[in-house]
């Protein structure tokens, strides 16, 4: 598991969905981590990437456990739906350590300790043209990752 980024789970986010006394779930806890959305004209141009055509505002979603960017949606009906419906993500922990996330394979925060996004799925998630993406290094593709919640508040 990557240890490079802070990952804070607050007790008020704990979800008591699992009420199973079996030994399998004895040390397992589930949390509902809030996702905060912002509609912004910010085009991420300073980070070598342009999402969409650069003509419209975009929705950016931040995981509050890491305070990092996890979703980018265009300002269209799907983007509005995502911003309205994706209000939290479920994160599972075992023995107090995060082990899984429901968005773990679709998350843009590749530095998160529980992220399992591949380069191929990352390209699909961002909407970058595949031919363009093949010419870009992984560092360039993920250059947005220093963006934080603090910069957008």
N, C-alpha and C. Protein backbone atom coordinates (compact mmCIF):
# COMPACT_ATOMS: atom_id res chain seq x y z
N UNK A 1 0.84 -1.19 0.00
CA UNK A 1 0.00 0.00 0.00
C UNK A 1 0.88 1.24 0.00
N UNK A 2 0.52 2.21 -0.81
CA UNK A 2 1.27 3.47 -0.88
C UNK A 2 1.09 4.26 0.42
N UNK A 3 2.14 4.85 0.90
CA UNK A 3 2.08 5.63 2.14
C UNK A 3 2.36 7.11 1.90
N UNK A 4 2.39 7.54 0.64
CA UNK A 4 2.85 8.88 0.30
C UNK A 4 1.85 9.99 0.58
N UNK A 5 0.60 9.67 0.83
CA UNK A 5 -0.41 10.71 0.95
C UNK A 5 -1.23 10.51 2.22
N UNK A 6 -1.60 11.61 2.84
CA UNK A 6 -2.42 11.49 4.04
C UNK A 6 -3.79 10.91 3.67
N UNK A 7 -4.34 10.16 4.59
CA UNK A 7 -5.66 9.56 4.39
C UNK A 7 -6.33 9.57 5.75
N UNK A 8 -7.28 10.48 5.95
CA UNK A 8 -7.90 10.65 7.26
C UNK A 8 -9.36 10.24 7.21
N UNK A 9 -9.74 9.29 8.07
CA UNK A 9 -11.13 8.87 8.20
C UNK A 9 -11.66 9.39 9.52
N UNK A 10 -12.71 10.16 9.48
CA UNK A 10 -13.31 10.71 10.70
C UNK A 10 -14.37 9.76 11.24
N UNK A 11 -14.47 9.70 12.53
CA UNK A 11 -15.42 8.80 13.18
C UNK A 11 -16.87 9.09 12.76
N UNK A 12 -17.20 10.35 12.50
CA UNK A 12 -18.57 10.68 12.10
C UNK A 12 -18.92 10.14 10.71
N UNK A 13 -17.93 9.70 9.96
CA UNK A 13 -18.20 9.12 8.63
C UNK A 13 -18.45 7.62 8.72
N UNK A 14 -18.27 7.04 9.89
CA UNK A 14 -18.41 5.59 10.03
C UNK A 14 -19.84 5.17 9.72
N UNK A 15 -19.96 4.11 8.96
CA UNK A 15 -21.25 3.60 8.52
C UNK A 15 -21.46 2.23 9.16
N UNK A 16 -22.56 2.07 9.85
CA UNK A 16 -22.83 0.81 10.54
C UNK A 16 -23.63 -0.16 9.67
N UNK A 17 -23.30 -0.26 8.41
CA UNK A 17 -24.06 -1.11 7.50
C UNK A 17 -23.82 -2.58 7.80
N UNK A 18 -22.60 -2.93 8.11
CA UNK A 18 -22.27 -4.33 8.34
C UNK A 18 -22.49 -4.66 9.81
N UNK A 19 -23.46 -5.51 10.04
CA UNK A 19 -23.75 -5.96 11.40
C UNK A 19 -23.66 -7.48 11.39
N UNK A 20 -22.49 -7.99 11.07
CA UNK A 20 -22.26 -9.41 10.91
C UNK A 20 -21.26 -9.85 11.97
N UNK A 21 -21.66 -10.73 12.87
CA UNK A 21 -20.76 -11.13 13.95
C UNK A 21 -19.69 -12.14 13.53
N UNK A 22 -19.67 -12.54 12.27
CA UNK A 22 -18.70 -13.55 11.84
C UNK A 22 -17.28 -13.01 11.97
N UNK A 23 -16.32 -13.92 12.19
CA UNK A 23 -14.92 -13.49 12.34
C UNK A 23 -14.39 -12.71 11.14
N UNK A 24 -14.94 -12.97 9.96
CA UNK A 24 -14.48 -12.27 8.76
C UNK A 24 -14.61 -10.76 8.89
N UNK A 25 -15.68 -10.30 9.54
CA UNK A 25 -15.94 -8.86 9.64
C UNK A 25 -15.61 -8.27 11.01
N UNK A 26 -14.98 -9.03 11.86
CA UNK A 26 -14.70 -8.55 13.22
C UNK A 26 -13.88 -7.26 13.22
N UNK A 27 -12.87 -7.16 12.36
CA UNK A 27 -12.00 -5.98 12.34
C UNK A 27 -12.28 -5.07 11.15
N UNK A 28 -13.39 -5.32 10.44
CA UNK A 28 -13.73 -4.54 9.25
C UNK A 28 -14.67 -3.41 9.63
N UNK A 29 -14.40 -2.21 9.14
CA UNK A 29 -15.27 -1.04 9.35
C UNK A 29 -15.52 -0.39 8.01
N UNK A 30 -16.69 0.16 7.84
CA UNK A 30 -17.06 0.83 6.60
C UNK A 30 -17.31 2.31 6.89
N UNK A 31 -16.79 3.17 6.03
CA UNK A 31 -16.95 4.61 6.18
C UNK A 31 -17.58 5.18 4.91
N UNK A 32 -18.39 6.22 5.10
CA UNK A 32 -18.95 6.97 3.97
C UNK A 32 -18.20 8.30 3.93
N UNK A 33 -17.23 8.37 3.03
CA UNK A 33 -16.37 9.55 2.94
C UNK A 33 -17.04 10.57 1.99
N UNK A 34 -17.26 11.80 2.46
CA UNK A 34 -17.89 12.81 1.61
C UNK A 34 -17.07 13.15 0.37
N UNK A 35 -17.79 13.46 -0.71
CA UNK A 35 -17.18 13.97 -1.94
C UNK A 35 -17.74 15.38 -2.13
N UNK A 36 -16.86 16.36 -2.22
CA UNK A 36 -17.26 17.75 -2.42
C UNK A 36 -17.05 18.13 -3.88
N UNK A 37 -18.06 18.75 -4.49
CA UNK A 37 -18.00 19.13 -5.90
C UNK A 37 -17.94 20.65 -6.05
N UNK A 38 -17.20 21.07 -7.06
CA UNK A 38 -17.11 22.50 -7.38
C UNK A 38 -17.26 22.63 -8.90
N UNK A 39 -18.04 23.61 -9.32
CA UNK A 39 -18.13 23.95 -10.74
C UNK A 39 -17.13 25.07 -10.97
N UNK A 40 -16.18 24.84 -11.85
CA UNK A 40 -15.09 25.79 -11.98
C UNK A 40 -14.71 26.02 -13.44
N UNK A 41 -14.31 27.23 -13.79
CA UNK A 41 -13.81 27.48 -15.13
C UNK A 41 -12.35 27.04 -15.27
N UNK A 42 -11.77 26.58 -14.19
CA UNK A 42 -10.38 26.16 -14.17
C UNK A 42 -10.18 25.03 -15.16
N UNK A 43 -9.28 25.18 -16.10
CA UNK A 43 -9.12 24.21 -17.18
C UNK A 43 -7.94 23.26 -16.96
N UNK A 44 -7.29 23.35 -15.85
CA UNK A 44 -6.13 22.52 -15.56
C UNK A 44 -5.01 22.74 -16.57
N UNK A 45 -5.02 23.89 -17.25
CA UNK A 45 -3.99 24.18 -18.25
C UNK A 45 -2.61 24.29 -17.62
N UNK A 46 -2.57 24.77 -16.38
CA UNK A 46 -1.27 24.91 -15.71
C UNK A 46 -0.65 23.56 -15.41
N UNK A 47 -1.43 22.51 -15.59
CA UNK A 47 -0.94 21.18 -15.29
C UNK A 47 -0.81 20.34 -16.54
N UNK A 48 -0.60 21.01 -17.69
CA UNK A 48 -0.30 20.39 -18.98
C UNK A 48 -1.46 19.61 -19.57
N UNK A 49 -2.61 19.64 -18.95
CA UNK A 49 -3.75 18.91 -19.48
C UNK A 49 -4.93 19.83 -19.69
N UNK A 50 -5.68 19.55 -20.71
CA UNK A 50 -6.94 20.25 -20.97
C UNK A 50 -8.02 19.20 -21.03
N UNK A 51 -8.95 19.25 -20.13
CA UNK A 51 -10.05 18.29 -20.15
C UNK A 51 -11.16 18.87 -20.98
N UNK A 52 -11.74 18.06 -21.86
CA UNK A 52 -12.80 18.55 -22.73
C UNK A 52 -12.21 19.49 -23.76
N UNK A 53 -12.98 20.43 -24.23
CA UNK A 53 -12.54 21.36 -25.27
C UNK A 53 -12.02 22.67 -24.68
N UNK A 54 -12.08 22.82 -23.37
CA UNK A 54 -11.57 24.04 -22.75
C UNK A 54 -12.49 25.24 -22.91
N UNK A 55 -13.73 25.01 -23.37
CA UNK A 55 -14.65 26.12 -23.61
C UNK A 55 -15.69 26.26 -22.50
N UNK A 56 -15.85 25.23 -21.71
CA UNK A 56 -16.90 25.22 -20.71
C UNK A 56 -16.32 25.00 -19.32
N UNK A 57 -17.13 25.28 -18.34
CA UNK A 57 -16.72 24.99 -16.98
C UNK A 57 -16.78 23.47 -16.78
N UNK A 58 -16.07 23.02 -15.77
CA UNK A 58 -16.09 21.60 -15.44
C UNK A 58 -16.44 21.42 -13.97
N UNK A 59 -16.98 20.25 -13.64
CA UNK A 59 -17.21 19.88 -12.25
C UNK A 59 -15.98 19.10 -11.80
N UNK A 60 -15.44 19.45 -10.65
CA UNK A 60 -14.34 18.69 -10.07
C UNK A 60 -14.79 18.18 -8.71
N UNK A 61 -14.56 16.90 -8.47
CA UNK A 61 -14.95 16.27 -7.21
C UNK A 61 -13.74 15.92 -6.38
N UNK A 62 -13.82 16.20 -5.08
CA UNK A 62 -12.71 15.94 -4.16
C UNK A 62 -13.14 14.97 -3.07
N UNK A 63 -12.29 13.98 -2.82
CA UNK A 63 -12.49 13.06 -1.70
C UNK A 63 -12.02 13.79 -0.44
N UNK A 64 -12.86 13.81 0.58
CA UNK A 64 -12.50 14.54 1.78
C UNK A 64 -11.54 13.77 2.70
N UNK A 65 -11.32 12.48 2.44
CA UNK A 65 -10.33 11.73 3.23
C UNK A 65 -8.91 12.14 2.84
N UNK A 66 -8.72 12.47 1.56
CA UNK A 66 -7.39 12.87 1.09
C UNK A 66 -7.34 14.35 0.69
N UNK A 67 -8.53 14.94 0.50
CA UNK A 67 -8.67 16.32 0.01
C UNK A 67 -8.00 16.49 -1.35
N UNK A 68 -8.08 15.45 -2.17
CA UNK A 68 -7.50 15.46 -3.51
C UNK A 68 -8.57 15.20 -4.55
N UNK A 69 -8.27 15.62 -5.77
CA UNK A 69 -9.17 15.47 -6.91
C UNK A 69 -9.38 14.00 -7.23
N UNK A 70 -10.66 13.57 -7.33
CA UNK A 70 -10.93 12.18 -7.68
C UNK A 70 -11.80 12.04 -8.92
N UNK A 71 -12.53 13.11 -9.28
CA UNK A 71 -13.44 13.04 -10.43
C UNK A 71 -13.42 14.36 -11.18
N UNK A 72 -13.53 14.27 -12.50
CA UNK A 72 -13.70 15.44 -13.35
C UNK A 72 -14.87 15.14 -14.27
N UNK A 73 -15.84 16.03 -14.31
CA UNK A 73 -17.02 15.84 -15.15
C UNK A 73 -17.25 17.09 -15.98
N UNK A 74 -17.65 16.93 -17.24
CA UNK A 74 -17.98 18.11 -18.05
C UNK A 74 -19.26 18.76 -17.56
N UNK A 75 -19.46 20.00 -17.93
CA UNK A 75 -20.70 20.68 -17.54
C UNK A 75 -21.77 20.32 -18.57
N UNK A 76 -22.28 19.12 -18.44
CA UNK A 76 -23.39 18.66 -19.27
C UNK A 76 -24.33 17.89 -18.35
N UNK A 77 -25.34 17.25 -18.92
CA UNK A 77 -26.32 16.57 -18.07
C UNK A 77 -25.68 15.46 -17.25
N UNK A 78 -24.68 14.73 -17.80
CA UNK A 78 -24.02 13.68 -17.04
C UNK A 78 -23.18 14.26 -15.90
N UNK A 79 -22.53 15.37 -16.16
CA UNK A 79 -21.72 16.01 -15.12
C UNK A 79 -22.58 16.51 -13.97
N UNK A 80 -23.72 17.09 -14.31
CA UNK A 80 -24.66 17.56 -13.28
C UNK A 80 -25.16 16.38 -12.46
N UNK A 81 -25.51 15.29 -13.16
CA UNK A 81 -26.00 14.09 -12.45
C UNK A 81 -24.93 13.55 -11.50
N UNK A 82 -23.69 13.48 -11.97
CA UNK A 82 -22.61 12.97 -11.12
C UNK A 82 -22.45 13.84 -9.88
N UNK A 83 -22.46 15.14 -10.07
CA UNK A 83 -22.28 16.06 -8.95
C UNK A 83 -23.44 15.97 -7.95
N UNK A 84 -24.63 15.68 -8.45
CA UNK A 84 -25.79 15.56 -7.56
C UNK A 84 -25.85 14.20 -6.87
N UNK A 85 -25.45 13.16 -7.56
CA UNK A 85 -25.62 11.80 -7.03
C UNK A 85 -24.42 11.26 -6.27
N UNK A 86 -23.22 11.60 -6.70
CA UNK A 86 -22.03 11.07 -6.02
C UNK A 86 -21.67 12.02 -4.89
N UNK A 87 -22.25 11.77 -3.74
CA UNK A 87 -22.05 12.63 -2.57
C UNK A 87 -21.05 12.04 -1.58
N UNK A 88 -20.80 10.73 -1.72
CA UNK A 88 -19.82 10.07 -0.85
C UNK A 88 -19.33 8.80 -1.52
N UNK A 89 -18.26 8.25 -1.00
CA UNK A 89 -17.73 6.97 -1.45
C UNK A 89 -17.54 6.09 -0.22
N UNK A 90 -17.78 4.82 -0.38
CA UNK A 90 -17.59 3.88 0.73
C UNK A 90 -16.13 3.42 0.75
N UNK A 91 -15.55 3.48 1.93
CA UNK A 91 -14.17 3.03 2.14
C UNK A 91 -14.19 1.99 3.25
N UNK A 92 -13.57 0.85 2.98
CA UNK A 92 -13.47 -0.20 3.98
C UNK A 92 -12.11 -0.20 4.64
N UNK A 93 -12.10 -0.49 5.94
CA UNK A 93 -10.84 -0.58 6.68
C UNK A 93 -10.78 -1.90 7.41
N UNK A 94 -9.56 -2.38 7.58
CA UNK A 94 -9.33 -3.55 8.40
C UNK A 94 -8.23 -3.22 9.38
N UNK A 95 -8.49 -3.49 10.64
CA UNK A 95 -7.54 -3.17 11.71
C UNK A 95 -7.12 -1.70 11.67
N UNK A 96 -8.06 -0.83 11.31
CA UNK A 96 -7.81 0.61 11.31
C UNK A 96 -7.12 1.16 10.07
N UNK A 97 -6.77 0.31 9.11
CA UNK A 97 -6.09 0.77 7.89
C UNK A 97 -7.03 0.65 6.70
N UNK A 98 -7.08 1.70 5.84
CA UNK A 98 -7.94 1.62 4.66
C UNK A 98 -7.46 0.49 3.73
N UNK A 99 -8.41 -0.32 3.28
CA UNK A 99 -8.05 -1.45 2.43
C UNK A 99 -8.74 -1.42 1.08
N UNK A 100 -9.91 -0.79 0.98
CA UNK A 100 -10.63 -0.78 -0.28
C UNK A 100 -11.55 0.43 -0.37
N UNK A 101 -11.85 0.80 -1.61
CA UNK A 101 -12.73 1.93 -1.87
C UNK A 101 -13.61 1.58 -3.06
N UNK A 102 -14.87 1.96 -2.99
CA UNK A 102 -15.77 1.62 -4.10
C UNK A 102 -15.36 2.31 -5.40
N UNK A 103 -14.63 3.40 -5.32
CA UNK A 103 -14.16 4.11 -6.52
C UNK A 103 -12.69 3.81 -6.82
N UNK A 104 -12.13 2.83 -6.16
CA UNK A 104 -10.70 2.53 -6.27
C UNK A 104 -10.18 2.26 -7.66
N UNK A 105 -11.03 1.79 -8.56
CA UNK A 105 -10.60 1.51 -9.94
C UNK A 105 -11.03 2.61 -10.91
N UNK A 106 -11.71 3.64 -10.38
CA UNK A 106 -12.18 4.73 -11.24
C UNK A 106 -11.77 6.09 -10.69
N UNK A 107 -10.80 6.12 -9.82
CA UNK A 107 -10.42 7.35 -9.12
C UNK A 107 -9.23 8.01 -9.80
N UNK A 108 -9.25 9.33 -9.87
CA UNK A 108 -8.14 10.07 -10.48
C UNK A 108 -7.00 10.35 -9.50
N UNK A 109 -7.21 10.08 -8.23
CA UNK A 109 -6.16 10.32 -7.25
C UNK A 109 -5.24 9.10 -7.19
N UNK A 110 -4.29 9.05 -8.10
CA UNK A 110 -3.44 7.86 -8.20
C UNK A 110 -2.46 7.74 -7.03
N UNK A 111 -2.31 8.78 -6.22
CA UNK A 111 -1.42 8.71 -5.07
C UNK A 111 -2.13 8.19 -3.82
N UNK A 112 -3.41 7.95 -3.91
CA UNK A 112 -4.17 7.44 -2.76
C UNK A 112 -3.69 6.03 -2.43
N UNK A 113 -3.57 5.72 -1.15
CA UNK A 113 -3.07 4.39 -0.78
C UNK A 113 -3.97 3.23 -1.22
N UNK A 114 -5.23 3.48 -1.53
CA UNK A 114 -6.13 2.39 -1.92
C UNK A 114 -6.62 2.52 -3.36
N UNK A 115 -5.88 3.26 -4.18
CA UNK A 115 -6.25 3.43 -5.58
C UNK A 115 -5.67 2.29 -6.42
N UNK A 116 -6.49 1.77 -7.33
CA UNK A 116 -6.06 0.68 -8.22
C UNK A 116 -6.31 1.03 -9.68
N UNK A 117 -6.34 2.32 -10.00
CA UNK A 117 -6.60 2.76 -11.37
C UNK A 117 -5.41 2.44 -12.26
N UNK A 118 -5.68 1.87 -13.42
CA UNK A 118 -4.63 1.57 -14.39
C UNK A 118 -4.50 2.76 -15.36
N UNK A 119 -3.42 2.77 -16.12
CA UNK A 119 -3.22 3.84 -17.09
C UNK A 119 -4.36 3.84 -18.11
N UNK A 120 -4.78 2.67 -18.54
CA UNK A 120 -5.85 2.56 -19.54
C UNK A 120 -7.17 3.13 -19.00
N UNK A 121 -7.53 2.75 -17.78
CA UNK A 121 -8.79 3.26 -17.22
C UNK A 121 -8.67 4.74 -16.90
N UNK A 122 -7.48 5.20 -16.53
CA UNK A 122 -7.27 6.61 -16.27
C UNK A 122 -7.56 7.44 -17.52
N UNK A 123 -7.05 6.98 -18.66
CA UNK A 123 -7.27 7.69 -19.93
C UNK A 123 -8.76 7.75 -20.24
N UNK A 124 -9.47 6.65 -20.03
CA UNK A 124 -10.93 6.64 -20.26
C UNK A 124 -11.64 7.61 -19.33
N UNK A 125 -11.24 7.63 -18.06
CA UNK A 125 -11.88 8.49 -17.06
C UNK A 125 -11.73 9.98 -17.38
N UNK A 126 -10.59 10.35 -17.92
CA UNK A 126 -10.33 11.76 -18.18
C UNK A 126 -10.85 12.23 -19.52
N UNK A 127 -11.17 11.28 -20.41
CA UNK A 127 -11.68 11.66 -21.72
C UNK A 127 -10.60 12.14 -22.67
N UNK A 128 -9.35 11.87 -22.34
CA UNK A 128 -8.24 12.26 -23.21
C UNK A 128 -8.22 11.32 -24.41
N UNK A 129 -7.96 11.86 -25.58
CA UNK A 129 -7.87 11.07 -26.79
C UNK A 129 -6.77 10.01 -26.62
N UNK A 130 -7.08 8.75 -26.99
CA UNK A 130 -6.12 7.65 -26.78
C UNK A 130 -4.79 7.87 -27.50
N UNK A 131 -4.84 8.38 -28.73
CA UNK A 131 -3.60 8.61 -29.47
C UNK A 131 -2.75 9.66 -28.79
N UNK A 132 -3.40 10.71 -28.29
CA UNK A 132 -2.68 11.76 -27.56
C UNK A 132 -2.09 11.19 -26.28
N UNK A 133 -2.88 10.40 -25.57
CA UNK A 133 -2.43 9.82 -24.30
C UNK A 133 -1.22 8.92 -24.49
N UNK A 134 -1.18 8.17 -25.58
CA UNK A 134 -0.05 7.26 -25.82
C UNK A 134 1.26 8.02 -25.98
N UNK A 135 1.18 9.26 -26.45
CA UNK A 135 2.38 10.08 -26.65
C UNK A 135 2.84 10.76 -25.36
N UNK A 136 1.96 10.76 -24.35
CA UNK A 136 2.27 11.47 -23.10
C UNK A 136 2.85 10.52 -22.06
N UNK A 137 3.76 11.02 -21.27
CA UNK A 137 4.30 10.22 -20.18
C UNK A 137 3.26 10.14 -19.05
N UNK A 138 3.44 9.19 -18.17
CA UNK A 138 2.54 9.04 -17.02
C UNK A 138 2.61 10.30 -16.14
N UNK A 139 3.79 10.87 -16.00
CA UNK A 139 3.95 12.09 -15.19
C UNK A 139 3.15 13.25 -15.79
N UNK A 140 3.18 13.40 -17.10
CA UNK A 140 2.42 14.47 -17.74
C UNK A 140 0.93 14.20 -17.61
N UNK A 141 0.52 12.95 -17.84
CA UNK A 141 -0.89 12.60 -17.73
C UNK A 141 -1.46 12.90 -16.34
N UNK A 142 -0.65 12.71 -15.33
CA UNK A 142 -1.12 12.87 -13.96
C UNK A 142 -0.61 14.15 -13.31
N UNK A 143 -0.26 15.13 -14.12
CA UNK A 143 0.33 16.36 -13.60
C UNK A 143 -0.63 17.18 -12.74
N UNK A 144 -1.91 16.92 -12.81
CA UNK A 144 -2.91 17.64 -12.02
C UNK A 144 -2.85 17.22 -10.55
N UNK A 145 -2.16 16.15 -10.21
CA UNK A 145 -2.34 15.51 -8.91
C UNK A 145 -1.91 16.34 -7.70
N UNK A 146 -1.21 17.44 -7.94
CA UNK A 146 -0.89 18.30 -6.80
C UNK A 146 -2.04 19.25 -6.45
N UNK A 147 -3.11 19.22 -7.25
CA UNK A 147 -4.27 20.07 -6.94
C UNK A 147 -4.94 19.58 -5.65
N UNK A 148 -5.28 20.52 -4.79
CA UNK A 148 -5.91 20.15 -3.52
C UNK A 148 -7.21 20.91 -3.32
N UNK A 149 -8.00 20.44 -2.41
CA UNK A 149 -9.26 21.06 -2.03
C UNK A 149 -9.04 22.51 -1.62
N UNK A 150 -7.95 22.78 -0.91
CA UNK A 150 -7.63 24.12 -0.43
C UNK A 150 -7.53 25.14 -1.58
N UNK A 151 -7.03 24.71 -2.73
CA UNK A 151 -6.87 25.61 -3.87
C UNK A 151 -8.22 26.04 -4.47
N UNK A 152 -9.25 25.25 -4.25
CA UNK A 152 -10.54 25.52 -4.88
C UNK A 152 -11.57 26.11 -3.92
N UNK A 153 -11.34 26.00 -2.63
CA UNK A 153 -12.33 26.49 -1.65
C UNK A 153 -12.58 27.96 -1.78
